[in-house]
């Protein structure tokens, strides 16, 4: 699977945020595996996208790059993780990974690449 240089950078930012959370909260095996699942889902969702596709905002939504920046920033919030639990961070990541997969649907991808399409 191809990962563009920008996709790799964005994934590294999310991975570092997850590693920090796991270290800070002394995450056990189940949480570590869950964060790994989030990372792999994100990685697969970004696979084979060019840098131009990463910054495209279909239907006025966040671009894949914006989603990844949001995740990396959100998952650095130790106070929120302490208050809501690191399970919240895992769920949040899975929700966004799902959203990135939905952006890959053939209809949405075609609309995003069509310069005459609204959005």
N, C-alpha and C. Protein backbone atom coordinates (compact mmCIF):
# COMPACT_ATOMS: atom_id res chain seq x y z
N UNK A 1 0.85 -1.18 0.00
CA UNK A 1 0.00 0.00 0.00
C UNK A 1 0.90 1.24 0.00
N UNK A 2 0.58 2.15 -0.88
CA UNK A 2 1.34 3.39 -0.98
C UNK A 2 0.85 4.39 0.06
N UNK A 3 1.80 5.02 0.76
CA UNK A 3 1.49 6.15 1.65
C UNK A 3 2.33 7.33 1.19
N UNK A 4 1.67 8.42 0.88
CA UNK A 4 2.39 9.61 0.44
C UNK A 4 3.24 10.15 1.59
N UNK A 5 4.23 10.97 1.27
CA UNK A 5 5.04 11.56 2.35
C UNK A 5 4.20 12.33 3.37
N UNK A 6 3.19 13.03 2.91
CA UNK A 6 2.34 13.79 3.83
C UNK A 6 1.50 12.85 4.69
N UNK A 7 0.99 11.78 4.10
CA UNK A 7 0.23 10.79 4.88
C UNK A 7 1.11 10.18 5.97
N UNK A 8 2.35 9.87 5.63
CA UNK A 8 3.28 9.32 6.63
C UNK A 8 3.51 10.31 7.76
N UNK A 9 3.69 11.58 7.42
CA UNK A 9 3.92 12.60 8.45
C UNK A 9 2.71 12.73 9.36
N UNK A 10 1.53 12.77 8.77
CA UNK A 10 0.30 12.89 9.56
C UNK A 10 0.11 11.68 10.46
N UNK A 11 0.37 10.49 9.94
CA UNK A 11 0.27 9.28 10.75
C UNK A 11 1.29 9.27 11.88
N UNK A 12 2.49 9.76 11.61
CA UNK A 12 3.51 9.84 12.66
C UNK A 12 3.06 10.76 13.79
N UNK A 13 2.42 11.87 13.44
CA UNK A 13 1.93 12.79 14.47
C UNK A 13 0.88 12.11 15.36
N UNK A 14 -0.02 11.36 14.75
CA UNK A 14 -1.05 10.65 15.52
C UNK A 14 -0.40 9.55 16.36
N UNK A 15 0.54 8.82 15.77
CA UNK A 15 1.22 7.76 16.51
C UNK A 15 1.93 8.30 17.74
N UNK A 16 2.61 9.43 17.59
CA UNK A 16 3.31 10.05 18.73
C UNK A 16 2.32 10.46 19.82
N UNK A 17 1.18 11.01 19.43
CA UNK A 17 0.16 11.38 20.42
C UNK A 17 -0.34 10.15 21.16
N UNK A 18 -0.55 9.06 20.42
CA UNK A 18 -1.02 7.83 21.06
C UNK A 18 0.05 7.25 21.99
N UNK A 19 1.29 7.28 21.56
CA UNK A 19 2.36 6.77 22.42
C UNK A 19 2.45 7.56 23.71
N UNK A 20 2.27 8.86 23.61
CA UNK A 20 2.31 9.71 24.81
C UNK A 20 1.16 9.35 25.75
N UNK A 21 -0.04 9.18 25.20
CA UNK A 21 -1.18 8.78 26.03
C UNK A 21 -0.93 7.44 26.71
N UNK A 22 -0.44 6.48 25.95
CA UNK A 22 -0.21 5.15 26.51
C UNK A 22 0.83 5.19 27.62
N UNK A 23 1.88 5.97 27.41
CA UNK A 23 2.93 6.06 28.43
C UNK A 23 2.41 6.77 29.68
N UNK A 24 1.71 7.87 29.48
CA UNK A 24 1.23 8.67 30.61
C UNK A 24 0.25 7.89 31.48
N UNK A 25 -0.62 7.12 30.84
CA UNK A 25 -1.65 6.40 31.58
C UNK A 25 -1.30 4.93 31.83
N UNK A 26 -0.05 4.56 31.55
CA UNK A 26 0.42 3.19 31.77
C UNK A 26 -0.57 2.18 31.17
N UNK A 27 -0.84 2.39 29.89
CA UNK A 27 -1.84 1.58 29.19
C UNK A 27 -1.47 0.11 29.20
N UNK A 28 -2.48 -0.70 29.44
CA UNK A 28 -2.30 -2.15 29.38
C UNK A 28 -2.40 -2.66 27.96
N UNK A 29 -2.29 -3.96 27.83
CA UNK A 29 -2.28 -4.58 26.50
C UNK A 29 -3.55 -4.29 25.70
N UNK A 30 -4.69 -4.34 26.34
CA UNK A 30 -5.95 -4.11 25.61
C UNK A 30 -5.99 -2.70 25.01
N UNK A 31 -5.60 -1.70 25.80
CA UNK A 31 -5.59 -0.33 25.29
C UNK A 31 -4.53 -0.16 24.20
N UNK A 32 -3.37 -0.76 24.38
CA UNK A 32 -2.33 -0.66 23.36
C UNK A 32 -2.80 -1.27 22.03
N UNK A 33 -3.46 -2.39 22.13
CA UNK A 33 -3.98 -3.04 20.92
C UNK A 33 -5.08 -2.19 20.27
N UNK A 34 -5.89 -1.55 21.08
CA UNK A 34 -6.95 -0.69 20.55
C UNK A 34 -6.35 0.51 19.83
N UNK A 35 -5.32 1.14 20.42
CA UNK A 35 -4.67 2.26 19.73
C UNK A 35 -4.02 1.78 18.44
N UNK A 36 -3.47 0.57 18.45
CA UNK A 36 -2.87 0.02 17.24
C UNK A 36 -3.95 -0.17 16.16
N UNK A 37 -5.12 -0.62 16.57
CA UNK A 37 -6.23 -0.80 15.62
C UNK A 37 -6.65 0.54 15.02
N UNK A 38 -6.69 1.58 15.86
CA UNK A 38 -7.02 2.93 15.36
C UNK A 38 -5.99 3.34 14.32
N UNK A 39 -4.70 3.18 14.67
CA UNK A 39 -3.63 3.57 13.76
C UNK A 39 -3.75 2.81 12.43
N UNK A 40 -3.96 1.51 12.51
CA UNK A 40 -4.05 0.71 11.28
C UNK A 40 -5.26 1.10 10.44
N UNK A 41 -6.37 1.42 11.08
CA UNK A 41 -7.55 1.87 10.33
C UNK A 41 -7.27 3.20 9.64
N UNK A 42 -6.60 4.11 10.34
CA UNK A 42 -6.24 5.40 9.74
C UNK A 42 -5.26 5.19 8.58
N UNK A 43 -4.26 4.36 8.81
CA UNK A 43 -3.25 4.08 7.79
C UNK A 43 -3.91 3.51 6.53
N UNK A 44 -4.81 2.57 6.70
CA UNK A 44 -5.51 1.97 5.56
C UNK A 44 -6.40 2.99 4.85
N UNK A 45 -7.03 3.87 5.62
CA UNK A 45 -7.90 4.89 5.03
C UNK A 45 -7.11 5.88 4.19
N UNK A 46 -5.85 6.13 4.57
CA UNK A 46 -5.02 7.07 3.82
C UNK A 46 -4.22 6.40 2.71
N UNK A 47 -4.24 5.08 2.70
CA UNK A 47 -3.46 4.34 1.70
C UNK A 47 -3.88 4.67 0.28
N UNK A 48 -2.87 4.81 -0.56
CA UNK A 48 -3.05 5.06 -1.99
C UNK A 48 -3.66 6.42 -2.31
N UNK A 49 -3.72 7.32 -1.34
CA UNK A 49 -4.16 8.69 -1.62
C UNK A 49 -2.94 9.56 -1.88
N UNK A 50 -3.00 10.36 -2.91
CA UNK A 50 -1.93 11.31 -3.17
C UNK A 50 -2.07 12.52 -2.26
N UNK A 51 -1.00 13.30 -2.17
CA UNK A 51 -1.03 14.48 -1.32
C UNK A 51 -2.16 15.43 -1.72
N UNK A 52 -2.46 15.51 -3.02
CA UNK A 52 -3.56 16.37 -3.47
C UNK A 52 -4.90 15.88 -2.93
N UNK A 53 -5.08 14.58 -2.82
CA UNK A 53 -6.32 14.03 -2.28
C UNK A 53 -6.42 14.24 -0.77
N UNK A 54 -5.29 14.30 -0.11
CA UNK A 54 -5.29 14.50 1.35
C UNK A 54 -5.81 15.87 1.74
N UNK A 55 -5.62 16.85 0.89
CA UNK A 55 -6.01 18.22 1.24
C UNK A 55 -7.34 18.64 0.60
N UNK A 56 -7.94 17.76 -0.15
CA UNK A 56 -9.23 18.06 -0.78
C UNK A 56 -10.34 17.94 0.25
N UNK A 57 -11.23 18.93 0.27
CA UNK A 57 -12.35 18.95 1.23
C UNK A 57 -13.65 18.64 0.51
N UNK A 58 -14.08 17.38 0.52
CA UNK A 58 -15.32 17.04 -0.18
C UNK A 58 -16.55 17.54 0.57
N UNK A 59 -17.51 18.03 -0.16
CA UNK A 59 -18.80 18.43 0.40
C UNK A 59 -18.67 19.40 1.57
N UNK A 60 -17.66 20.25 1.56
CA UNK A 60 -17.49 21.22 2.62
C UNK A 60 -17.05 20.63 3.95
N UNK A 61 -16.70 19.35 3.97
CA UNK A 61 -16.24 18.71 5.20
C UNK A 61 -14.73 18.89 5.34
N UNK A 62 -14.21 18.41 6.45
CA UNK A 62 -12.77 18.44 6.63
C UNK A 62 -12.10 17.52 5.61
N UNK A 63 -10.95 17.94 5.16
CA UNK A 63 -10.14 17.07 4.30
C UNK A 63 -9.54 15.97 5.16
N UNK A 64 -9.07 14.88 4.54
CA UNK A 64 -8.39 13.85 5.33
C UNK A 64 -7.22 14.42 6.14
N UNK A 65 -6.47 15.35 5.57
CA UNK A 65 -5.36 15.95 6.31
C UNK A 65 -5.86 16.71 7.54
N UNK A 66 -6.95 17.45 7.38
CA UNK A 66 -7.51 18.19 8.52
C UNK A 66 -7.99 17.25 9.62
N UNK A 67 -8.57 16.13 9.23
CA UNK A 67 -9.00 15.13 10.21
C UNK A 67 -7.80 14.62 10.99
N UNK A 68 -6.73 14.32 10.29
CA UNK A 68 -5.53 13.79 10.95
C UNK A 68 -4.89 14.81 11.88
N UNK A 69 -4.84 16.07 11.47
CA UNK A 69 -4.30 17.13 12.34
C UNK A 69 -5.17 17.24 13.59
N UNK A 70 -6.48 17.22 13.41
CA UNK A 70 -7.39 17.27 14.55
C UNK A 70 -7.13 16.11 15.51
N UNK A 71 -7.00 14.91 14.98
CA UNK A 71 -6.76 13.74 15.83
C UNK A 71 -5.46 13.88 16.62
N UNK A 72 -4.40 14.29 15.94
CA UNK A 72 -3.11 14.43 16.62
C UNK A 72 -3.20 15.47 17.73
N UNK A 73 -3.89 16.57 17.47
CA UNK A 73 -4.04 17.61 18.49
C UNK A 73 -4.95 17.15 19.62
N UNK A 74 -6.08 16.55 19.28
CA UNK A 74 -7.04 16.07 20.28
C UNK A 74 -6.40 15.03 21.20
N UNK A 75 -5.64 14.12 20.61
CA UNK A 75 -5.10 13.01 21.38
C UNK A 75 -3.86 13.39 22.19
N UNK A 76 -3.52 14.67 22.21
CA UNK A 76 -2.47 15.16 23.10
C UNK A 76 -3.06 15.75 24.38
N UNK A 77 -4.36 15.79 24.48
CA UNK A 77 -5.04 16.41 25.63
C UNK A 77 -5.08 15.43 26.80
N UNK A 78 -4.05 15.47 27.60
CA UNK A 78 -3.96 14.56 28.73
C UNK A 78 -5.06 14.83 29.75
N UNK A 79 -5.43 16.10 29.93
CA UNK A 79 -6.47 16.44 30.89
C UNK A 79 -7.80 15.82 30.49
N UNK A 80 -8.12 15.90 29.20
CA UNK A 80 -9.37 15.31 28.72
C UNK A 80 -9.34 13.79 28.87
N UNK A 81 -8.20 13.19 28.56
CA UNK A 81 -8.09 11.74 28.70
C UNK A 81 -8.21 11.33 30.16
N UNK A 82 -7.68 12.14 31.08
CA UNK A 82 -7.80 11.82 32.50
C UNK A 82 -9.26 11.93 32.95
N UNK A 83 -9.96 12.90 32.42
CA UNK A 83 -11.35 13.13 32.80
C UNK A 83 -12.29 12.11 32.17
N UNK A 84 -12.08 11.82 30.89
CA UNK A 84 -13.02 10.96 30.16
C UNK A 84 -12.52 9.53 29.98
N UNK A 85 -11.25 9.31 30.26
CA UNK A 85 -10.65 7.99 30.07
C UNK A 85 -10.02 7.85 28.70
N UNK A 86 -8.97 7.02 28.64
CA UNK A 86 -8.33 6.86 27.33
C UNK A 86 -9.23 6.09 26.37
N UNK A 87 -10.24 5.42 26.91
CA UNK A 87 -11.22 4.77 26.04
C UNK A 87 -11.89 5.79 25.12
N UNK A 88 -12.12 6.99 25.66
CA UNK A 88 -12.71 8.06 24.84
C UNK A 88 -11.79 8.38 23.66
N UNK A 89 -10.49 8.42 23.90
CA UNK A 89 -9.55 8.75 22.83
C UNK A 89 -9.57 7.66 21.76
N UNK A 90 -9.69 6.42 22.19
CA UNK A 90 -9.76 5.31 21.24
C UNK A 90 -11.03 5.42 20.41
N UNK A 91 -12.16 5.63 21.08
CA UNK A 91 -13.44 5.76 20.38
C UNK A 91 -13.42 6.93 19.40
N UNK A 92 -12.85 8.05 19.83
CA UNK A 92 -12.75 9.23 18.98
C UNK A 92 -11.93 8.92 17.72
N UNK A 93 -10.82 8.23 17.90
CA UNK A 93 -10.00 7.85 16.75
C UNK A 93 -10.72 6.91 15.80
N UNK A 94 -11.44 5.95 16.36
CA UNK A 94 -12.19 5.01 15.52
C UNK A 94 -13.29 5.73 14.75
N UNK A 95 -13.96 6.68 15.39
CA UNK A 95 -15.00 7.46 14.70
C UNK A 95 -14.42 8.19 13.50
N UNK A 96 -13.26 8.81 13.69
CA UNK A 96 -12.64 9.55 12.58
C UNK A 96 -12.09 8.61 11.52
N UNK A 97 -11.58 7.46 11.91
CA UNK A 97 -11.11 6.48 10.92
C UNK A 97 -12.28 6.04 10.05
N UNK A 98 -13.43 5.81 10.67
CA UNK A 98 -14.63 5.45 9.92
C UNK A 98 -15.01 6.57 8.95
N UNK A 99 -14.95 7.81 9.43
CA UNK A 99 -15.27 8.94 8.57
C UNK A 99 -14.34 9.03 7.37
N UNK A 100 -13.06 8.75 7.59
CA UNK A 100 -12.11 8.76 6.47
C UNK A 100 -12.44 7.66 5.46
N UNK A 101 -12.87 6.52 5.95
CA UNK A 101 -13.27 5.45 5.04
C UNK A 101 -14.50 5.85 4.23
N UNK A 102 -15.43 6.52 4.87
CA UNK A 102 -16.62 6.96 4.14
C UNK A 102 -16.26 7.95 3.04
N UNK A 103 -15.23 8.77 3.27
CA UNK A 103 -14.78 9.70 2.23
C UNK A 103 -14.22 8.98 1.01
N UNK A 104 -13.80 7.74 1.21
CA UNK A 104 -13.22 6.97 0.10
C UNK A 104 -14.28 6.33 -0.78
N UNK A 105 -15.56 6.42 -0.41
CA UNK A 105 -16.60 5.77 -1.21
C UNK A 105 -16.50 6.28 -2.65
N UNK A 106 -16.78 5.43 -3.63
CA UNK A 106 -16.61 5.83 -5.03
C UNK A 106 -17.37 7.10 -5.41
N UNK A 107 -18.60 7.24 -4.92
CA UNK A 107 -19.39 8.42 -5.27
C UNK A 107 -18.77 9.69 -4.69
N UNK A 108 -18.35 9.63 -3.44
CA UNK A 108 -17.77 10.81 -2.80
C UNK A 108 -16.42 11.13 -3.41
N UNK A 109 -15.65 10.10 -3.71
CA UNK A 109 -14.33 10.33 -4.31
C UNK A 109 -14.48 10.98 -5.68
N UNK A 110 -15.46 10.53 -6.47
CA UNK A 110 -15.68 11.11 -7.80
C UNK A 110 -16.11 12.57 -7.67
N UNK A 111 -16.99 12.86 -6.74
CA UNK A 111 -17.44 14.24 -6.54
C UNK A 111 -16.29 15.13 -6.08
N UNK A 112 -15.43 14.61 -5.24
CA UNK A 112 -14.31 15.41 -4.73
C UNK A 112 -13.30 15.70 -5.82
N UNK A 113 -13.16 14.81 -6.80
CA UNK A 113 -12.17 15.03 -7.85
C UNK A 113 -12.74 15.80 -9.04
N UNK A 114 -14.06 16.04 -9.06
CA UNK A 114 -14.71 16.76 -10.15
C UNK A 114 -14.72 18.25 -9.83
N UNK A 115 -13.95 19.05 -10.58
CA UNK A 115 -13.88 20.49 -10.28
C UNK A 115 -15.21 21.21 -10.46
N UNK A 116 -16.17 20.63 -11.18
CA UNK A 116 -17.47 21.27 -11.37
C UNK A 116 -18.47 20.86 -10.30
N UNK A 117 -18.08 19.91 -9.45
CA UNK A 117 -18.98 19.44 -8.40
C UNK A 117 -19.02 20.44 -7.26
N UNK A 118 -20.23 20.71 -6.72
CA UNK A 118 -20.30 21.61 -5.55
C UNK A 118 -19.62 20.96 -4.35
N UNK A 119 -18.89 21.76 -3.57
CA UNK A 119 -18.20 21.22 -2.40
C UNK A 119 -16.81 21.03 -2.73
